[in-house]
């Protein structure tokens, strides 16, 4: 599953003791295992070896260019949702012909940037977006390759904030209206229809919602081909979940078998957009205990990482396992692990049975490789933390810790003040 393990009661990442990294660069920091990242990508990619496919890593899950480079070197593409993610992907060396652009709010300058970069295709989220992309492609004398993102009204049975395939969600075009959208797109001069796209949600831990969506998309593709619209790509998005606590998500091989069985008769290249399943368990957040506190009701461990560093527990009530970097003979107690932010929602864990840590003791917040640093902020004017990559017995800072000067970069006091 991952390459974080104990050696003589001390937590290591691959062949490097985590305590050594903390001593050299300070805390908190995100730590990623190159071996785990590469292996997870290869397992997912290899699961679909019998199917024409392209793996486009979901940049929103972890956008560090060093992380992107690992997957690009493995032959992968990227799934982006902004001009900034496109910039990152290109800086990391992504093949433009393996970039798909999703997202409901593409700005004109972002559309132009993607057209000039000659990406594989845009996943269209609305009729007005389709018109705008056709218009911009005409102005730039380009042909915009597109897929229409279909909202299949499938319940992914995940947290409502990360469900994206129900009628009530803002994403995509209702499947009942999708045929009309494709007919309309067919008549536009500056677009070329390449595919059908769908993404039902994130942290999905059963296969059936994916297959339900695929069955509905198959029926649409048959109708489109009767209209003379040839579909070359079927983008099933991402969303396959990982184990944070007690979840038992399907293995990629199991997922692949189900997709191959359900897709018999389809002559398309599949696109998959895995994010969390590749990076989630390949990264941890390392934090230091600042203070121990007890009031009449409960115990607290105050650590130097806060909700601005890892917002998932506060935002989704998400569970992240906690492991001491150094195992010692310690009593255990029930405590909240909280950060320095001036919000009651600033916590990494609540009511957790944890060792009685000493001041300065290090904790590893597990399964933090996805939607960790990418969702971090400077709330309370806290500099964003470092990111570190380990490969075998070496480690390197792949994003420097911000300084106080970085916090005010770009700000100015106007003359009238």
Foldseek 3Di string as FASTA:
>chain_A
DAQWDDDQQFTDHFQAGPVVVCVVANDWAKEFELVLLLVLLCQLVVLQVVAQAAEAAECLFPPQLVSLLSVVVVVHHHEEAALVSVVSNVVSPHDQARYEYEYADYDLVSLLVNQVSNHNAYAYWDLVVLVSSLVSLVVVVAAGEYAFEEQAQFALPDFPVFFARHPPHSGTDYLVCVVVSVVVSVPRDRYAYAAYEYEGGAQRAEQVSLLVSVLSVVVVQVVCVVVVRHHAEYESEEHFHDDQDPGDGDRSSVNSVSCVVSCPPDNYYYYYHYYLSSFQQRMKIKWFFADWDDDPPFIEGEIADKCLQFVCCLPPVDHWDKDWSGDDPFAWDFYWYAYDAPDPSIGRDHRDTDGPDDGGTMMIGGRQRTRGRSNHDCVVNAWHDWYKYDYNHDIDTSGHTDDSVVSCVPPDDDPVD
